[in-house]
Amino acid sequence: GGQLEADAANWYKASGSKKPIVGFIAGETAPAGRTMGHAGAIVGGSDDTAQAKKRIMRDCGIHVVDSPAEIGKKVKEVMG
């Protein structure tokens, strides 16, 4: 949980970089308010869900995949 993914996505958009970025956000089924993982991340408000983070990343021009298994295919696609 946290805001760092959205901060990074917004930084990327503001930078104007044309280098493609492929991203993946885990935790699609994480229940709100529950501590998850070894770091103790907690899914908080509506902008702290996996779905919201993926939307923000896409809105900022990041190519988001729904599974780690899709990363290689997406990288190949965006690299041409």
PDB file of N, CA and C in Angstrom:
ATOM      1  N   GLY A   1       0.822  -1.188   0.000  1.00  0.00           N
ATOM      2  CA  GLY A   1       0.000   0.000   0.000  1.00  0.00           C
ATOM      3  C   GLY A   1       0.859   1.242   0.000  1.00  0.00           C
ATOM      4  N   GLY A   2       0.250   2.354  -0.198  1.00  0.00           N
ATOM      5  CA  GLY A   2       0.955   3.619  -0.209  1.00  0.00           C
ATOM      6  C   GLY A   2       0.795   4.358  -1.516  1.00  0.00           C
ATOM      7  N   GLN A   3       1.429   5.498  -1.587  1.00  0.00           N
ATOM      8  CA  GLN A   3       1.271   6.425  -2.696  1.00  0.00           C
ATOM      9  C   GLN A   3       2.448   6.411  -3.665  1.00  0.00           C
ATOM     10  N   LEU A   4       3.481   5.646  -3.398  1.00  0.00           N
ATOM     11  CA  LEU A   4       4.699   5.730  -4.200  1.00  0.00           C
ATOM     12  C   LEU A   4       4.494   5.367  -5.666  1.00  0.00           C
ATOM     13  N   GLU A   5       3.629   4.394  -5.953  1.00  0.00           N
ATOM     14  CA  GLU A   5       3.388   4.017  -7.343  1.00  0.00           C
ATOM     15  C   GLU A   5       2.780   5.181  -8.119  1.00  0.00           C
ATOM     16  N   ALA A   6       1.793   5.847  -7.524  1.00  0.00           N
ATOM     17  CA  ALA A   6       1.161   6.996  -8.171  1.00  0.00           C
ATOM     18  C   ALA A   6       2.150   8.148  -8.307  1.00  0.00           C
ATOM     19  N   ASP A   7       2.969   8.362  -7.291  1.00  0.00           N
ATOM     20  CA  ASP A   7       3.987   9.419  -7.365  1.00  0.00           C
ATOM     21  C   ASP A   7       4.953   9.160  -8.516  1.00  0.00           C
ATOM     22  N   ALA A   8       5.391   7.915  -8.655  1.00  0.00           N
ATOM     23  CA  ALA A   8       6.320   7.565  -9.736  1.00  0.00           C
ATOM     24  C   ALA A   8       5.662   7.739 -11.097  1.00  0.00           C
ATOM     25  N   ALA A   9       4.406   7.332 -11.220  1.00  0.00           N
ATOM     26  CA  ALA A   9       3.689   7.471 -12.489  1.00  0.00           C
ATOM     27  C   ALA A   9       3.531   8.941 -12.860  1.00  0.00           C
ATOM     28  N   ASN A  10       3.174   9.764 -11.890  1.00  0.00           N
ATOM     29  CA  ASN A  10       3.018  11.195 -12.157  1.00  0.00           C
ATOM     30  C   ASN A  10       4.352  11.848 -12.495  1.00  0.00           C
ATOM     31  N   TRP A  11       5.423  11.415 -11.850  1.00  0.00           N
ATOM     32  CA  TRP A  11       6.757  11.919 -12.183  1.00  0.00           C
ATOM     33  C   TRP A  11       7.105  11.575 -13.629  1.00  0.00           C
ATOM     34  N   TYR A  12       6.835  10.325 -14.024  1.00  0.00           N
ATOM     35  CA  TYR A  12       7.118   9.888 -15.394  1.00  0.00           C
ATOM     36  C   TYR A  12       6.359  10.766 -16.394  1.00  0.00           C
ATOM     37  N   LYS A  13       5.086  10.998 -16.142  1.00  0.00           N
ATOM     38  CA  LYS A  13       4.280  11.824 -17.051  1.00  0.00           C
ATOM     39  C   LYS A  13       4.833  13.244 -17.119  1.00  0.00           C
ATOM     40  N   ALA A  14       5.153  13.824 -15.975  1.00  0.00           N
ATOM     41  CA  ALA A  14       5.662  15.195 -15.926  1.00  0.00           C
ATOM     42  C   ALA A  14       7.029  15.325 -16.581  1.00  0.00           C
ATOM     43  N   SER A  15       7.796  14.238 -16.596  1.00  0.00           N
ATOM     44  CA  SER A  15       9.146  14.293 -17.176  1.00  0.00           C
ATOM     45  C   SER A  15       9.124  14.435 -18.689  1.00  0.00           C
ATOM     46  N   GLY A  16       8.010  14.022 -19.308  1.00  0.00           N
ATOM     47  CA  GLY A  16       7.927  14.086 -20.762  1.00  0.00           C
ATOM     48  C   GLY A  16       8.734  13.008 -21.463  1.00  0.00           C
ATOM     49  N   SER A  17       9.212  12.046 -20.724  1.00  0.00           N
ATOM     50  CA  SER A  17      10.025  10.969 -21.298  1.00  0.00           C
ATOM     51  C   SER A  17       9.227  10.174 -22.319  1.00  0.00           C
ATOM     52  N   LYS A  18       9.888   9.798 -23.389  1.00  0.00           N
ATOM     53  CA  LYS A  18       9.266   8.961 -24.416  1.00  0.00           C
ATOM     54  C   LYS A  18       9.695   7.505 -24.276  1.00  0.00           C
ATOM     55  N   LYS A  19      10.544   7.215 -23.286  1.00  0.00           N
ATOM     56  CA  LYS A  19      10.963   5.832 -23.058  1.00  0.00           C
ATOM     57  C   LYS A  19       9.785   5.053 -22.477  1.00  0.00           C
ATOM     58  N   PRO A  20       9.449   3.925 -23.093  1.00  0.00           N
ATOM     59  CA  PRO A  20       8.301   3.170 -22.590  1.00  0.00           C
ATOM     60  C   PRO A  20       8.598   2.485 -21.259  1.00  0.00           C
ATOM     61  N   ILE A  21       7.600   2.466 -20.420  1.00  0.00           N
ATOM     62  CA  ILE A  21       7.693   1.776 -19.139  1.00  0.00           C
ATOM     63  C   ILE A  21       6.571   0.744 -19.083  1.00  0.00           C
ATOM     64  N   VAL A  22       6.917  -0.457 -18.660  1.00  0.00           N
ATOM     65  CA  VAL A  22       5.933  -1.510 -18.446  1.00  0.00           C
ATOM     66  C   VAL A  22       5.831  -1.726 -16.945  1.00  0.00           C
ATOM     67  N   GLY A  23       4.609  -1.761 -16.442  1.00  0.00           N
ATOM     68  CA  GLY A  23       4.418  -1.922 -15.011  1.00  0.00           C
ATOM     69  C   GLY A  23       3.429  -3.013 -14.657  1.00  0.00           C
ATOM     70  N   PHE A  24       3.542  -3.482 -13.441  1.00  0.00           N
ATOM     71  CA  PHE A  24       2.625  -4.480 -12.891  1.00  0.00           C
ATOM     72  C   PHE A  24       2.354  -4.122 -11.438  1.00  0.00           C
ATOM     73  N   ILE A  25       1.099  -4.182 -11.053  1.00  0.00           N
ATOM     74  CA  ILE A  25       0.703  -3.943  -9.666  1.00  0.00           C
ATOM     75  C   ILE A  25       0.057  -5.218  -9.130  1.00  0.00           C
ATOM     76  N   ALA A  26       0.612  -5.742  -8.066  1.00  0.00           N
ATOM     77  CA  ALA A  26       0.034  -6.921  -7.411  1.00  0.00           C
ATOM     78  C   ALA A  26      -1.044  -6.478  -6.427  1.00  0.00           C
ATOM     79  N   GLY A  27      -1.805  -7.410  -5.935  1.00  0.00           N
ATOM     80  CA  GLY A  27      -2.765  -7.102  -4.881  1.00  0.00           C
ATOM     81  C   GLY A  27      -4.162  -6.817  -5.367  1.00  0.00           C
ATOM     82  N   GLU A  28      -4.500  -7.299  -6.542  1.00  0.00           N
ATOM     83  CA  GLU A  28      -5.829  -7.056  -7.116  1.00  0.00           C
ATOM     84  C   GLU A  28      -6.945  -7.508  -6.172  1.00  0.00           C
ATOM     85  N   THR A  29      -6.710  -8.555  -5.418  1.00  0.00           N
ATOM     86  CA  THR A  29      -7.758  -9.091  -4.543  1.00  0.00           C
ATOM     87  C   THR A  29      -7.554  -8.727  -3.075  1.00  0.00           C
ATOM     88  N   ALA A  30      -6.623  -7.823  -2.796  1.00  0.00           N
ATOM     89  CA  ALA A  30      -6.351  -7.437  -1.404  1.00  0.00           C
ATOM     90  C   ALA A  30      -7.543  -6.690  -0.809  1.00  0.00           C
ATOM     91  N   PRO A  31      -8.031  -7.119   0.338  1.00  0.00           N
ATOM     92  CA  PRO A  31      -9.144  -6.429   0.982  1.00  0.00           C
ATOM     93  C   PRO A  31      -8.699  -5.107   1.611  1.00  0.00           C
ATOM     94  N   ALA A  32      -9.544  -4.099   1.505  1.00  0.00           N
ATOM     95  CA  ALA A  32      -9.227  -2.779   2.061  1.00  0.00           C
ATOM     96  C   ALA A  32      -9.032  -2.865   3.569  1.00  0.00           C
ATOM     97  N   GLY A  33      -8.026  -2.137   4.065  1.00  0.00           N
ATOM     98  CA  GLY A  33      -7.788  -2.058   5.497  1.00  0.00           C
ATOM     99  C   GLY A  33      -7.063  -3.240   6.109  1.00  0.00           C
ATOM    100  N   ARG A  34      -6.658  -4.190   5.295  1.00  0.00           N
ATOM    101  CA  ARG A  34      -5.985  -5.381   5.829  1.00  0.00           C
ATOM    102  C   ARG A  34      -4.486  -5.301   5.580  1.00  0.00           C
ATOM    103  N   THR A  35      -3.698  -5.659   6.585  1.00  0.00           N
ATOM    104  CA  THR A  35      -2.249  -5.690   6.437  1.00  0.00           C
ATOM    105  C   THR A  35      -1.870  -6.846   5.526  1.00  0.00           C
ATOM    106  N   MET A  36      -1.012  -6.544   4.537  1.00  0.00           N
ATOM    107  CA  MET A  36      -0.612  -7.551   3.560  1.00  0.00           C
ATOM    108  C   MET A  36       0.906  -7.594   3.454  1.00  0.00           C
ATOM    109  N   GLY A  37       1.470  -8.785   3.351  1.00  0.00           N
ATOM    110  CA  GLY A  37       2.883  -8.941   3.029  1.00  0.00           C
ATOM    111  C   GLY A  37       3.820  -8.725   4.194  1.00  0.00           C
ATOM    112  N   HIS A  38       5.096  -9.019   3.934  1.00  0.00           N
ATOM    113  CA  HIS A  38       6.113  -8.935   4.979  1.00  0.00           C
ATOM    114  C   HIS A  38       6.391  -7.503   5.416  1.00  0.00           C
ATOM    115  N   ALA A  39       6.138  -6.536   4.531  1.00  0.00           N
ATOM    116  CA  ALA A  39       6.429  -5.145   4.863  1.00  0.00           C
ATOM    117  C   ALA A  39       5.282  -4.494   5.618  1.00  0.00           C
ATOM    118  N   GLY A  40       4.168  -5.207   5.736  1.00  0.00           N
ATOM    119  CA  GLY A  40       3.047  -4.652   6.482  1.00  0.00           C
ATOM    120  C   GLY A  40       2.282  -3.595   5.724  1.00  0.00           C
ATOM    121  N   ALA A  41       2.273  -3.669   4.398  1.00  0.00           N
ATOM    122  CA  ALA A  41       1.527  -2.707   3.589  1.00  0.00           C
ATOM    123  C   ALA A  41       0.040  -2.850   3.893  1.00  0.00           C
ATOM    124  N   ILE A  42      -0.629  -1.732   3.975  1.00  0.00           N
ATOM    125  CA  ILE A  42      -2.066  -1.735   4.231  1.00  0.00           C
ATOM    126  C   ILE A  42      -2.765  -1.039   3.077  1.00  0.00           C
ATOM    127  N   VAL A  43      -3.778  -1.701   2.517  1.00  0.00           N
ATOM    128  CA  VAL A  43      -4.581  -1.075   1.477  1.00  0.00           C
ATOM    129  C   VAL A  43      -5.492  -0.080   2.170  1.00  0.00           C
ATOM    130  N   GLY A  44      -5.340   1.193   1.822  1.00  0.00           N
ATOM    131  CA  GLY A  44      -6.091   2.243   2.493  1.00  0.00           C
ATOM    132  C   GLY A  44      -7.306   2.695   1.716  1.00  0.00           C
ATOM    133  N   GLY A  45      -7.341   3.967   1.328  1.00  0.00           N
ATOM    134  CA  GLY A  45      -8.487   4.569   0.669  1.00  0.00           C
ATOM    135  C   GLY A  45      -8.671   4.132  -0.769  1.00  0.00           C
ATOM    136  N   SER A  46      -9.610   4.794  -1.449  1.00  0.00           N
ATOM    137  CA  SER A  46      -9.995   4.396  -2.804  1.00  0.00           C
ATOM    138  C   SER A  46      -8.871   4.554  -3.821  1.00  0.00           C
ATOM    139  N   ASP A  47      -7.932   5.466  -3.599  1.00  0.00           N
ATOM    140  CA  ASP A  47      -6.803   5.623  -4.518  1.00  0.00           C
ATOM    141  C   ASP A  47      -5.651   4.688  -4.175  1.00  0.00           C
ATOM    142  N   ASP A  48      -5.827   3.868  -3.157  1.00  0.00           N
ATOM    143  CA  ASP A  48      -4.763   2.967  -2.717  1.00  0.00           C
ATOM    144  C   ASP A  48      -5.058   1.517  -3.091  1.00  0.00           C
ATOM    145  N   THR A  49      -5.997   1.308  -4.004  1.00  0.00           N
ATOM    146  CA  THR A  49      -6.285  -0.048  -4.459  1.00  0.00           C
ATOM    147  C   THR A  49      -5.428  -0.367  -5.676  1.00  0.00           C
ATOM    148  N   ALA A  50      -5.265  -1.646  -5.954  1.00  0.00           N
ATOM    149  CA  ALA A  50      -4.512  -2.049  -7.145  1.00  0.00           C
ATOM    150  C   ALA A  50      -5.179  -1.487  -8.396  1.00  0.00           C
ATOM    151  N   GLN A  51      -6.499  -1.526  -8.454  1.00  0.00           N
ATOM    152  CA  GLN A  51      -7.217  -1.018  -9.617  1.00  0.00           C
ATOM    153  C   GLN A  51      -6.961   0.471  -9.826  1.00  0.00           C
ATOM    154  N   ALA A  52      -6.991   1.244  -8.748  1.00  0.00           N
ATOM    155  CA  ALA A  52      -6.760   2.685  -8.852  1.00  0.00           C
ATOM    156  C   ALA A  52      -5.333   2.979  -9.288  1.00  0.00           C
ATOM    157  N   LYS A  53      -4.373   2.245  -8.736  1.00  0.00           N
ATOM    158  CA  LYS A  53      -2.972   2.461  -9.112  1.00  0.00           C
ATOM    159  C   LYS A  53      -2.749   2.128 -10.579  1.00  0.00           C
ATOM    160  N   LYS A  54      -3.363   1.049 -11.059  1.00  0.00           N
ATOM    161  CA  LYS A  54      -3.231   0.679 -12.470  1.00  0.00           C
ATOM    162  C   LYS A  54      -3.844   1.751 -13.364  1.00  0.00           C
ATOM    163  N   ARG A  55      -4.990   2.296 -12.956  1.00  0.00           N
ATOM    164  CA  ARG A  55      -5.633   3.361 -13.733  1.00  0.00           C
ATOM    165  C   ARG A  55      -4.738   4.593 -13.792  1.00  0.00           C
ATOM    166  N   ILE A  56      -4.187   4.985 -12.668  1.00  0.00           N
ATOM    167  CA  ILE A  56      -3.298   6.147 -12.613  1.00  0.00           C
ATOM    168  C   ILE A  56      -2.084   5.925 -13.506  1.00  0.00           C
ATOM    169  N   MET A  57      -1.489   4.742 -13.416  1.00  0.00           N
ATOM    170  CA  MET A  57      -0.314   4.441 -14.240  1.00  0.00           C
ATOM    171  C   MET A  57      -0.660   4.515 -15.725  1.00  0.00           C
ATOM    172  N   ARG A  58      -1.792   3.928 -16.115  1.00  0.00           N
ATOM    173  CA  ARG A  58      -2.213   3.984 -17.525  1.00  0.00           C
ATOM    174  C   ARG A  58      -2.457   5.429 -17.955  1.00  0.00           C
ATOM    175  N   ASP A  59      -3.124   6.198 -17.098  1.00  0.00           N
ATOM    176  CA  ASP A  59      -3.396   7.606 -17.412  1.00  0.00           C
ATOM    177  C   ASP A  59      -2.109   8.403 -17.598  1.00  0.00           C
ATOM    178  N   CYS A  60      -1.035   7.944 -16.998  1.00  0.00           N
ATOM    179  CA  CYS A  60       0.263   8.622 -17.097  1.00  0.00           C
ATOM    180  C   CYS A  60       1.128   8.067 -18.229  1.00  0.00           C
ATOM    181  N   GLY A  61       0.586   7.143 -19.016  1.00  0.00           N
ATOM    182  CA  GLY A  61       1.305   6.634 -20.174  1.00  0.00           C
ATOM    183  C   GLY A  61       2.122   5.379 -19.943  1.00  0.00           C
ATOM    184  N   ILE A  62       1.944   4.752 -18.803  1.00  0.00           N
ATOM    185  CA  ILE A  62       2.673   3.520 -18.504  1.00  0.00           C
ATOM    186  C   ILE A  62       1.862   2.336 -19.031  1.00  0.00           C
ATOM    187  N   HIS A  63       2.553   1.382 -19.631  1.00  0.00           N
ATOM    188  CA  HIS A  63       1.921   0.176 -20.153  1.00  0.00           C
ATOM    189  C   HIS A  63       1.781  -0.813 -19.001  1.00  0.00           C
ATOM    190  N   VAL A  64       0.560  -1.020 -18.535  1.00  0.00           N
ATOM    191  CA  VAL A  64       0.316  -1.857 -17.365  1.00  0.00           C
ATOM    192  C   VAL A  64      -0.206  -3.223 -17.797  1.00  0.00           C
ATOM    193  N   VAL A  65       0.384  -4.267 -17.247  1.00  0.00           N
ATOM    194  CA  VAL A  65      -0.081  -5.628 -17.502  1.00  0.00           C
ATOM    195  C   VAL A  65      -0.798  -6.154 -16.263  1.00  0.00           C
ATOM    196  N   ASP A  66      -1.650  -7.148 -16.472  1.00  0.00           N
ATOM    197  CA  ASP A  66      -2.440  -7.690 -15.371  1.00  0.00           C
ATOM    198  C   ASP A  66      -1.799  -8.897 -14.697  1.00  0.00           C
ATOM    199  N   SER A  67      -0.720  -9.403 -15.281  1.00  0.00           N
ATOM    200  CA  SER A  67      -0.048 -10.579 -14.731  1.00  0.00           C
ATOM    201  C   SER A  67       1.447 -10.471 -14.997  1.00  0.00           C
ATOM    202  N   PRO A  68       2.278 -10.923 -14.069  1.00  0.00           N
ATOM    203  CA  PRO A  68       3.718 -10.905 -14.332  1.00  0.00           C
ATOM    204  C   PRO A  68       4.081 -11.730 -15.566  1.00  0.00           C
ATOM    205  N   ALA A  69       3.262 -12.718 -15.889  1.00  0.00           N
ATOM    206  CA  ALA A  69       3.517 -13.554 -17.060  1.00  0.00           C
ATOM    207  C   ALA A  69       3.405 -12.763 -18.364  1.00  0.00           C
ATOM    208  N   GLU A  70       2.764 -11.596 -18.335  1.00  0.00           N
ATOM    209  CA  GLU A  70       2.567 -10.771 -19.528  1.00  0.00           C
ATOM    210  C   GLU A  70       3.673  -9.738 -19.734  1.00  0.00           C
ATOM    211  N   ILE A  71       4.574  -9.601 -18.782  1.00  0.00           N
ATOM    212  CA  ILE A  71       5.588  -8.546 -18.849  1.00  0.00           C
ATOM    213  C   ILE A  71       6.472  -8.690 -20.084  1.00  0.00           C
ATOM    214  N   GLY A  72       7.021  -9.869 -20.324  1.00  0.00           N
ATOM    215  CA  GLY A  72       7.915 -10.069 -21.463  1.00  0.00           C
ATOM    216  C   GLY A  72       7.256  -9.754 -22.787  1.00  0.00           C
ATOM    217  N   LYS A  73       6.035 -10.226 -22.975  1.00  0.00           N
ATOM    218  CA  LYS A  73       5.293  -9.969 -24.212  1.00  0.00           C
ATOM    219  C   LYS A  73       5.060  -8.469 -24.402  1.00  0.00           C
ATOM    220  N   LYS A  74       4.696  -7.785 -23.327  1.00  0.00           N
ATOM    221  CA  LYS A  74       4.425  -6.343 -23.411  1.00  0.00           C
ATOM    222  C   LYS A  74       5.701  -5.561 -23.691  1.00  0.00           C
ATOM    223  N   VAL A  75       6.814  -5.949 -23.066  1.00  0.00           N
ATOM    224  CA  VAL A  75       8.092  -5.279 -23.328  1.00  0.00           C
ATOM    225  C   VAL A  75       8.451  -5.434 -24.801  1.00  0.00           C
ATOM    226  N   LYS A  76       8.314  -6.627 -25.328  1.00  0.00           N
ATOM    227  CA  LYS A  76       8.608  -6.869 -26.743  1.00  0.00           C
ATOM    228  C   LYS A  76       7.715  -6.005 -27.625  1.00  0.00           C
ATOM    229  N   GLU A  77       6.445  -5.902 -27.262  1.00  0.00           N
ATOM    230  CA  GLU A  77       5.487  -5.100 -28.027  1.00  0.00           C
ATOM    231  C   GLU A  77       5.871  -3.622 -28.040  1.00  0.00           C
ATOM    232  N   VAL A  78       6.175  -3.054 -26.880  1.00  0.00           N
ATOM    233  CA  VAL A  78       6.450  -1.617 -26.820  1.00  0.00           C
ATOM    234  C   VAL A  78       7.832  -1.255 -27.351  1.00  0.00           C
ATOM    235  N   MET A  79       8.740  -2.225 -27.386  1.00  0.00           N
ATOM    236  CA  MET A  79      10.082  -1.965 -27.916  1.00  0.00           C
ATOM    237  C   MET A  79      10.130  -2.109 -29.435  1.00  0.00           C
ATOM    238  N   GLY A  80       9.054  -2.680 -29.996  1.00  0.00           N
ATOM    239  CA  GLY A  80       8.970  -2.803 -31.455  1.00  0.00           C
ATOM    240  C   GLY A  80       9.825  -3.874 -31.947  1.00  0.00           C
TER     241      GLY A  80
END
